[in-house]
Amino acid sequence: MTTEVVTFGCRLNAYESEVIREKALSAGLTNAAIFNTCAVTAEAERQARQAIRKYRRENPDAKIIVTGCSAQISPETYSKMPEVDQILGNREKMEEKYFLPLPDHERVIVNDIMFIKETAEHLIAGFDGKARGFIQVQNGCNHRCTFCTIPYGRGNSRSVPLWVIVDQTRLLLEKGFKEKPAKVKTFFRKGIAGAWKDEMPEDLVKQICTDHAE
């Protein structure tokens, strides 16, 4: 049995789930399910717990790993669930070593995400079973809005290096993910304007659009 990645929440989670899938495959993880959770609403967290319990009933011998924002913010919630074998934080889920089938892994590996100053530089080949692709341009948030959990699950704001954004965009377009160039440009602007202030890489964005214009 191969490893299944179950995604809850935002497009960034969808992107990271593809990274997780590739890392788990490279690590040789089999007969497992990785739940990439969301913490934006209580309902999203409830659905994740429900899905975990259902998966365990249907797959009693599989390994269950829980990660994502809910696991980062409330690891104790999942550590109390007998269905869960391992809990990984949002930083740890992006590292292959935590998916290696080693017997000496700690059950809960969730570190303080507020000290993270950079984004992981991963390139993915595509999105399993999906026609649309997403590109990570930024992670985290510096604001502390009253009812928002994002900073506590994602850490402070940090941008993806420009060359990674460009290479990932080109790779997905070459793989057949035909997002319109204008939308790509808008996505770039919304994603990095806040973190990079006024330093917009218009020339490189235009080059991507020109190279792959229909």
Foldseek 3Di string as FASTA:
>chain_A
DAEAEAEFDDQVRLVLSLLLNVLLVVLVFGQEYEYAFDDFDPVRVVVSVVVLVVVCVVRVPGAYEYEHLCCQQCVVVVVPDPSHQAYAAPVRSNHSVQNHPDPPDDRYHHDQQQPDAEDDLDAGQEGPPDLAHDAAFKWADPDDDPSGSRCSRTHHIYTHDPVSRLVNLLNHVVSNNCDQLVVSLVCNCVRCCVVVPPPRPVVSSVVSNVVRPD
